[in-house]
Protein backbone atom coordinates (compact mmCIF):
# COMPACT_ATOMS: atom_id res chain seq x y z
CA UNK A 1 -189.73 -25.90 43.50
CA UNK A 2 -188.46 -24.37 46.90
CA UNK A 3 -184.78 -23.49 48.36
CA UNK A 4 -184.81 -26.39 50.63
CA UNK A 5 -185.12 -28.83 47.60
CA UNK A 6 -182.29 -26.60 45.54
CA UNK A 7 -180.04 -26.80 48.60
CA UNK A 8 -180.34 -30.36 48.89
CA UNK A 9 -179.58 -30.87 44.96
CA UNK A 10 -176.57 -28.40 44.66
CA UNK A 11 -175.65 -29.96 48.46
CA UNK A 12 -175.69 -33.36 46.54
CA UNK A 13 -174.24 -32.65 43.32
CA UNK A 14 -171.27 -31.09 45.36
CA UNK A 15 -170.22 -33.93 47.53
CA UNK A 16 -170.54 -36.30 44.60
CA UNK A 17 -168.31 -34.32 42.38
CA UNK A 18 -165.13 -33.28 44.85
CA UNK A 19 -164.36 -36.86 45.51
CA UNK A 20 -163.81 -37.49 41.84
CA UNK A 21 -162.24 -34.33 40.72
CA UNK A 22 -159.80 -33.13 43.91
CA UNK A 23 -157.89 -36.36 43.77
CA UNK A 24 -157.28 -35.84 40.08
CA UNK A 25 -156.34 -32.27 40.58
CA UNK A 26 -153.49 -33.40 42.78
CA UNK A 27 -152.29 -36.21 41.42
CA UNK A 28 -152.08 -33.69 38.01
CA UNK A 29 -149.64 -31.34 39.41
CA UNK A 30 -147.36 -34.12 40.87
CA UNK A 31 -144.75 -35.90 39.35
CA UNK A 32 -145.26 -39.66 39.94
CA UNK A 33 -142.61 -42.37 38.95
CA UNK A 34 -142.92 -44.97 36.20
CA UNK A 35 -144.17 -48.04 38.67
CA UNK A 36 -146.68 -45.58 39.79
CA UNK A 37 -148.05 -44.51 36.76
CA UNK A 38 -148.24 -47.78 35.69
CA UNK A 39 -150.21 -49.23 38.76
CA UNK A 40 -152.75 -46.68 38.17
CA UNK A 41 -153.26 -47.87 34.68
CA UNK A 42 -154.80 -51.04 36.02
CA UNK A 43 -157.17 -49.83 38.33
CA UNK A 44 -160.14 -49.10 35.99
CA UNK A 45 -159.74 -52.26 34.73
CA UNK A 46 -159.83 -54.03 38.23
CA UNK A 47 -162.70 -52.14 39.24
CA UNK A 48 -165.01 -52.99 36.29
CA UNK A 49 -163.92 -56.67 36.11
CA UNK A 50 -164.73 -56.71 39.69
CA UNK A 51 -168.31 -55.47 38.82
CA UNK A 52 -169.02 -57.81 35.86
CA UNK A 53 -167.48 -61.01 37.78
CA UNK A 54 -169.46 -60.13 40.97
CA UNK A 55 -172.61 -59.27 38.36
CA UNK A 56 -172.16 -62.64 36.62
CA UNK A 57 -171.67 -64.94 39.45
CA UNK A 58 -174.00 -64.17 42.36
CA UNK A 59 -177.21 -64.22 42.82
CA UNK A 60 -179.59 -63.56 45.79
CA UNK A 61 -176.41 -63.45 47.89
CA UNK A 62 -175.41 -66.65 46.84
CA UNK A 63 -172.54 -67.76 44.41
CA UNK A 64 -174.58 -68.68 41.47
CA UNK A 65 -174.42 -67.75 37.51
CA UNK A 66 -176.79 -64.94 36.02
CA UNK A 67 -178.21 -66.86 33.04
CA UNK A 68 -178.93 -63.22 30.98
CA UNK A 69 -175.99 -62.14 32.16
CA UNK A 70 -173.74 -65.38 31.53
CA UNK A 71 -175.27 -64.84 27.72
CA UNK A 72 -174.75 -61.30 27.22
CA UNK A 73 -171.19 -61.28 28.07
CA UNK A 74 -170.37 -63.61 25.21
CA UNK A 75 -171.03 -60.62 22.18
CA UNK A 76 -169.52 -58.01 25.01
CA UNK A 77 -166.31 -59.88 25.33
CA UNK A 78 -165.73 -60.69 21.51
CA UNK A 79 -166.10 -56.78 20.98
CA UNK A 80 -163.54 -55.65 23.88
CA UNK A 81 -161.37 -58.22 22.25
CA UNK A 82 -161.56 -56.97 18.53
CA UNK A 83 -162.25 -53.24 19.24
CA UNK A 84 -160.63 -52.26 22.22
CA UNK A 85 -162.51 -49.91 22.84
CA UNK A 86 -164.59 -49.29 26.26
CA UNK A 87 -167.21 -47.60 24.81
CA UNK A 88 -168.33 -49.60 22.58
CA UNK A 89 -167.87 -52.70 24.41
CA UNK A 90 -170.38 -50.99 27.08
CA UNK A 91 -172.78 -50.44 24.70
CA UNK A 92 -172.75 -53.94 23.05
CA UNK A 93 -173.05 -55.20 26.61
CA UNK A 94 -176.03 -53.03 27.71
CA UNK A 95 -177.75 -53.78 24.23
CA UNK A 96 -177.46 -57.37 24.47
CA UNK A 97 -178.63 -57.75 27.94
CA UNK A 98 -181.42 -55.04 27.24
CA UNK A 99 -182.61 -57.74 24.20
CA UNK A 100 -182.33 -60.92 26.16
CA UNK A 101 -184.57 -59.35 28.88
CA UNK A 102 -187.17 -57.73 26.31
CA UNK A 103 -186.86 -61.47 24.47
CA UNK A 104 -187.56 -63.59 27.24
CA UNK A 105 -189.28 -61.88 29.99
């Protein structure tokens, strides 16, 4: 590979990593009050909920229900409630959707 491609790869990695690491570095050095800390704890679940709901109810840029995703969400929600483990929940969701697509497509 020539240097141009390596420059693009390394530059893309830096541009991708910096916006993720810099805020964490700055916020970790600041003592935040309890209200702000509590607020930050809800951000991941709010983002994940938005992604799930938009995937479930938007079909071809119109409001509808994605059939496979609607069925795959059932075991995923059950695992999320029972186990309270985000990684396990994501794995169950991905496997459920993959199995449904493999069986019915």
